[in-house]
Each structure stands twice: as structure tokens, then as C-alpha cells.
Amino acid sequence: MLRFGDLPHLTNFSQARFAPGQTAPAHAHQDMCEVFFVEAGSGVIHIDGTEYPLLPGNCVAIEVGEVHKVVNSGSTELVLTYFGLRVEKSA
């Protein structure tokens, strides 16, 4: 198992579950990128105003500063496993 500090740029490794109709509000990260993997269910992710499908097996990367919002537009629970990677700011 991973221990704190094993991957120094890893900020989180989590799973999110969205009920049908549930939404994660639009937001952006200025210091990390995120990667989402769809485990089950279906929905959409809006990235900088463009909509992409979330279907089992899909993997989506969000770059630093991209505004993103997740919506469970399906009829079953949407399950996402995701992680964040801290991005070092260059001088």
C-alpha cells in the first residue's frame, strides 16, 4: 500500500460516488492536475465548457487551471476513482 510521502507529487487518491442527478460543482486547481477513471455508471464531465462522456473504463485527465464539473446524467450510481498530482511552479 502507498504510505504518505511514497509518491511526493501525489495529493490524493480517492473514490467518489454520485447518485443519479448529482453534480460536483465547477472548479479549477491552480497547483495540481487530476486524473479520473470511471469504475461504474455513466455521466458527463465538462472541461472548459466542452462536454465529454463518462462511461466505464474511460480515463480523463484534467490539466492545471482547467475548469471542470462532473454530472451523473445516468440512472445508476456513477463511481469515479481519481488522483491528483501537484505541479511544481517554475520560476
N, C-alpha and C. Protein backbone atom coordinates (compact mmCIF):
# COMPACT_ATOMS: atom_id res chain seq x y z
N MET A 1 0.84 -1.18 0.00
CA MET A 1 0.00 0.00 0.00
C MET A 1 0.88 1.25 0.00
N LEU A 2 0.34 2.31 -0.52
CA LEU A 2 1.05 3.59 -0.51
C LEU A 2 1.06 4.18 0.89
N ARG A 3 2.19 4.73 1.25
CA ARG A 3 2.31 5.47 2.50
C ARG A 3 2.55 6.93 2.17
N PHE A 4 2.19 7.81 3.10
CA PHE A 4 2.39 9.23 2.89
C PHE A 4 3.85 9.49 2.53
N GLY A 5 4.07 10.20 1.44
CA GLY A 5 5.42 10.54 1.00
C GLY A 5 6.02 9.57 -0.01
N ASP A 6 5.39 8.39 -0.22
CA ASP A 6 5.92 7.43 -1.20
C ASP A 6 5.97 8.04 -2.60
N LEU A 7 4.96 8.78 -2.95
CA LEU A 7 4.89 9.48 -4.23
C LEU A 7 4.77 10.96 -3.90
N PRO A 8 5.85 11.68 -3.89
CA PRO A 8 5.85 13.04 -3.36
C PRO A 8 4.91 14.02 -4.06
N HIS A 9 4.53 13.79 -5.30
CA HIS A 9 3.65 14.72 -6.00
C HIS A 9 2.18 14.32 -5.92
N LEU A 10 1.89 13.15 -5.37
CA LEU A 10 0.52 12.68 -5.23
C LEU A 10 -0.18 13.45 -4.12
N THR A 11 -1.29 14.14 -4.44
CA THR A 11 -2.01 14.91 -3.43
C THR A 11 -3.17 14.13 -2.84
N ASN A 12 -3.78 13.26 -3.63
CA ASN A 12 -4.90 12.45 -3.15
C ASN A 12 -5.09 11.25 -4.08
N PHE A 13 -5.68 10.21 -3.55
CA PHE A 13 -6.08 9.03 -4.31
C PHE A 13 -7.38 8.60 -3.68
N SER A 14 -8.50 8.81 -4.38
CA SER A 14 -9.81 8.68 -3.76
C SER A 14 -10.82 8.06 -4.71
N GLN A 15 -11.99 7.79 -4.15
CA GLN A 15 -13.12 7.34 -4.96
C GLN A 15 -14.31 8.23 -4.63
N ALA A 16 -15.04 8.64 -5.66
CA ALA A 16 -16.24 9.46 -5.47
C ALA A 16 -17.43 8.70 -6.04
N ARG A 17 -18.56 8.82 -5.36
CA ARG A 17 -19.80 8.17 -5.79
C ARG A 17 -20.87 9.25 -5.92
N PHE A 18 -21.49 9.30 -7.10
CA PHE A 18 -22.52 10.29 -7.39
C PHE A 18 -23.85 9.58 -7.65
N ALA A 19 -24.86 9.98 -6.92
CA ALA A 19 -26.22 9.46 -7.16
C ALA A 19 -26.73 10.04 -8.47
N PRO A 20 -27.72 9.39 -9.09
CA PRO A 20 -28.30 9.95 -10.31
C PRO A 20 -28.72 11.40 -10.10
N GLY A 21 -28.30 12.27 -11.02
CA GLY A 21 -28.62 13.68 -10.95
C GLY A 21 -27.66 14.51 -10.12
N GLN A 22 -26.79 13.87 -9.36
CA GLN A 22 -25.85 14.61 -8.52
C GLN A 22 -24.73 15.24 -9.35
N THR A 23 -24.27 16.40 -8.91
CA THR A 23 -23.24 17.17 -9.63
C THR A 23 -22.13 17.58 -8.67
N ALA A 24 -20.91 17.56 -9.15
CA ALA A 24 -19.79 18.19 -8.44
C ALA A 24 -19.61 19.56 -9.08
N PRO A 25 -19.70 20.63 -8.31
CA PRO A 25 -19.67 21.98 -8.88
C PRO A 25 -18.39 22.25 -9.69
N ALA A 26 -18.51 23.15 -10.65
CA ALA A 26 -17.38 23.54 -11.49
C ALA A 26 -16.30 24.20 -10.63
N HIS A 27 -15.07 23.81 -10.88
CA HIS A 27 -13.93 24.37 -10.16
C HIS A 27 -12.66 24.10 -10.94
N ALA A 28 -11.57 24.71 -10.52
CA ALA A 28 -10.27 24.51 -11.15
C ALA A 28 -9.22 24.47 -10.04
N HIS A 29 -8.10 23.83 -10.34
CA HIS A 29 -6.98 23.75 -9.40
C HIS A 29 -5.79 24.47 -10.03
N GLN A 30 -5.16 25.32 -9.28
CA GLN A 30 -4.02 26.08 -9.80
C GLN A 30 -2.68 25.42 -9.51
N ASP A 31 -2.70 24.35 -8.70
CA ASP A 31 -1.44 23.73 -8.31
C ASP A 31 -1.42 22.21 -8.52
N MET A 32 -2.43 21.66 -9.20
CA MET A 32 -2.43 20.22 -9.44
C MET A 32 -3.26 19.86 -10.66
N CYS A 33 -2.95 18.71 -11.23
CA CYS A 33 -3.77 18.12 -12.28
C CYS A 33 -4.47 16.92 -11.66
N GLU A 34 -5.55 16.46 -12.29
CA GLU A 34 -6.31 15.33 -11.78
C GLU A 34 -6.54 14.33 -12.90
N VAL A 35 -6.66 13.07 -12.50
CA VAL A 35 -7.00 12.00 -13.43
C VAL A 35 -8.19 11.24 -12.85
N PHE A 36 -9.23 11.09 -13.67
CA PHE A 36 -10.44 10.38 -13.27
C PHE A 36 -10.57 9.09 -14.07
N PHE A 37 -10.89 7.98 -13.39
CA PHE A 37 -11.17 6.71 -14.05
C PHE A 37 -12.58 6.30 -13.68
N VAL A 38 -13.41 5.99 -14.69
CA VAL A 38 -14.81 5.62 -14.45
C VAL A 38 -14.89 4.13 -14.15
N GLU A 39 -15.31 3.82 -12.93
CA GLU A 39 -15.47 2.43 -12.50
C GLU A 39 -16.84 1.87 -12.90
N ALA A 40 -17.89 2.69 -12.71
CA ALA A 40 -19.26 2.21 -12.97
C ALA A 40 -20.17 3.41 -13.21
N GLY A 41 -21.30 3.14 -13.84
CA GLY A 41 -22.28 4.18 -14.10
C GLY A 41 -21.94 4.99 -15.33
N SER A 42 -22.63 6.11 -15.47
CA SER A 42 -22.38 6.99 -16.62
C SER A 42 -22.69 8.42 -16.23
N GLY A 43 -22.11 9.32 -16.99
CA GLY A 43 -22.33 10.74 -16.75
C GLY A 43 -21.55 11.55 -17.76
N VAL A 44 -21.32 12.79 -17.43
CA VAL A 44 -20.53 13.67 -18.29
C VAL A 44 -19.60 14.50 -17.43
N ILE A 45 -18.50 14.91 -18.02
CA ILE A 45 -17.60 15.86 -17.37
C ILE A 45 -17.45 17.04 -18.32
N HIS A 46 -17.62 18.22 -17.78
CA HIS A 46 -17.45 19.46 -18.54
C HIS A 46 -16.05 19.98 -18.24
N ILE A 47 -15.25 20.19 -19.28
CA ILE A 47 -13.90 20.71 -19.12
C ILE A 47 -13.77 21.95 -19.99
N ASP A 48 -13.59 23.09 -19.34
CA ASP A 48 -13.50 24.37 -20.04
C ASP A 48 -14.63 24.55 -21.07
N GLY A 49 -15.85 24.17 -20.64
CA GLY A 49 -17.03 24.38 -21.48
C GLY A 49 -17.33 23.29 -22.49
N THR A 50 -16.48 22.28 -22.62
CA THR A 50 -16.73 21.18 -23.54
C THR A 50 -17.14 19.96 -22.73
N GLU A 51 -18.17 19.26 -23.21
CA GLU A 51 -18.71 18.10 -22.51
C GLU A 51 -18.12 16.81 -23.07
N TYR A 52 -17.70 15.91 -22.15
CA TYR A 52 -17.15 14.61 -22.54
C TYR A 52 -17.91 13.52 -21.80
N PRO A 53 -18.14 12.37 -22.45
CA PRO A 53 -18.87 11.28 -21.79
C PRO A 53 -18.01 10.59 -20.72
N LEU A 54 -18.67 10.18 -19.67
CA LEU A 54 -18.05 9.34 -18.65
C LEU A 54 -18.73 7.98 -18.70
N LEU A 55 -18.00 6.99 -19.17
CA LEU A 55 -18.50 5.63 -19.32
C LEU A 55 -17.50 4.67 -18.69
N PRO A 56 -17.92 3.51 -18.20
CA PRO A 56 -16.99 2.59 -17.56
C PRO A 56 -15.76 2.32 -18.42
N GLY A 57 -14.60 2.46 -17.79
CA GLY A 57 -13.32 2.26 -18.48
C GLY A 57 -12.71 3.53 -19.02
N ASN A 58 -13.49 4.62 -19.12
CA ASN A 58 -12.93 5.90 -19.59
C ASN A 58 -11.98 6.47 -18.55
N CYS A 59 -10.96 7.13 -19.05
CA CYS A 59 -9.99 7.82 -18.20
C CYS A 59 -9.85 9.24 -18.74
N VAL A 60 -9.97 10.22 -17.84
CA VAL A 60 -9.94 11.63 -18.24
C VAL A 60 -8.90 12.36 -17.41
N ALA A 61 -8.05 13.13 -18.08
CA ALA A 61 -7.03 13.93 -17.39
C ALA A 61 -7.44 15.40 -17.43
N ILE A 62 -7.31 16.06 -16.30
CA ILE A 62 -7.62 17.48 -16.16
C ILE A 62 -6.31 18.21 -15.90
N GLU A 63 -5.99 19.17 -16.73
CA GLU A 63 -4.75 19.93 -16.58
C GLU A 63 -4.92 21.07 -15.57
N VAL A 64 -3.83 21.58 -15.07
CA VAL A 64 -3.83 22.72 -14.15
C VAL A 64 -4.63 23.87 -14.77
N GLY A 65 -5.53 24.44 -13.99
CA GLY A 65 -6.29 25.60 -14.42
C GLY A 65 -7.54 25.31 -15.23
N GLU A 66 -7.76 24.06 -15.65
CA GLU A 66 -8.96 23.74 -16.42
C GLU A 66 -10.17 23.67 -15.48
N VAL A 67 -11.22 24.39 -15.86
CA VAL A 67 -12.46 24.37 -15.08
C VAL A 67 -13.21 23.09 -15.43
N HIS A 68 -13.57 22.31 -14.41
CA HIS A 68 -14.23 21.03 -14.66
C HIS A 68 -15.39 20.82 -13.69
N LYS A 69 -16.40 20.10 -14.19
CA LYS A 69 -17.61 19.80 -13.43
C LYS A 69 -18.06 18.40 -13.83
N VAL A 70 -18.40 17.58 -12.84
CA VAL A 70 -18.88 16.21 -13.08
C VAL A 70 -20.39 16.17 -12.84
N VAL A 71 -21.11 15.48 -13.74
CA VAL A 71 -22.56 15.33 -13.62
C VAL A 71 -22.92 13.87 -13.84
N ASN A 72 -23.66 13.30 -12.90
CA ASN A 72 -24.20 11.96 -13.13
C ASN A 72 -25.51 12.14 -13.89
N SER A 73 -25.44 11.94 -15.19
CA SER A 73 -26.63 12.07 -16.05
C SER A 73 -27.28 10.72 -16.29
N GLY A 74 -26.78 9.68 -15.65
CA GLY A 74 -27.32 8.33 -15.82
C GLY A 74 -28.38 8.01 -14.79
N SER A 75 -28.82 6.75 -14.82
CA SER A 75 -29.88 6.31 -13.91
C SER A 75 -29.35 5.44 -12.77
N THR A 76 -28.03 5.22 -12.73
CA THR A 76 -27.41 4.45 -11.65
C THR A 76 -26.26 5.26 -11.06
N GLU A 77 -25.71 4.77 -9.98
CA GLU A 77 -24.61 5.45 -9.32
C GLU A 77 -23.40 5.55 -10.25
N LEU A 78 -22.78 6.73 -10.29
CA LEU A 78 -21.55 6.96 -11.04
C LEU A 78 -20.40 6.84 -10.04
N VAL A 79 -19.44 5.95 -10.33
CA VAL A 79 -18.31 5.72 -9.43
C VAL A 79 -17.03 6.09 -10.16
N LEU A 80 -16.30 7.06 -9.59
CA LEU A 80 -15.04 7.53 -10.15
C LEU A 80 -13.91 7.29 -9.16
N THR A 81 -12.82 6.72 -9.62
CA THR A 81 -11.58 6.67 -8.86
C THR A 81 -10.70 7.76 -9.44
N TYR A 82 -10.09 8.56 -8.58
CA TYR A 82 -9.32 9.68 -9.10
C TYR A 82 -8.11 9.97 -8.22
N PHE A 83 -7.14 10.65 -8.84
CA PHE A 83 -5.98 11.09 -8.07
C PHE A 83 -5.53 12.45 -8.58
N GLY A 84 -4.85 13.17 -7.72
CA GLY A 84 -4.30 14.47 -8.06
C GLY A 84 -2.79 14.45 -7.96
N LEU A 85 -2.16 15.19 -8.85
CA LEU A 85 -0.70 15.31 -8.85
C LEU A 85 -0.34 16.79 -8.74
N ARG A 86 0.41 17.12 -7.71
CA ARG A 86 0.86 18.50 -7.52
C ARG A 86 1.84 18.87 -8.61
N VAL A 87 1.67 20.04 -9.15
CA VAL A 87 2.54 20.54 -10.21
C VAL A 87 3.45 21.59 -9.61
N GLU A 88 4.74 21.40 -9.77
CA GLU A 88 5.70 22.38 -9.28
C GLU A 88 5.67 23.61 -10.19
N LYS A 89 5.57 24.77 -9.59
CA LYS A 89 5.58 26.00 -10.38
C LYS A 89 7.02 26.36 -10.73
N SER A 90 7.23 26.65 -12.01
CA SER A 90 8.57 27.02 -12.44
C SER A 90 8.83 28.50 -12.14
N ALA A 91 10.08 28.80 -11.90
CA ALA A 91 10.45 30.18 -11.53
C ALA A 91 10.50 31.06 -12.74
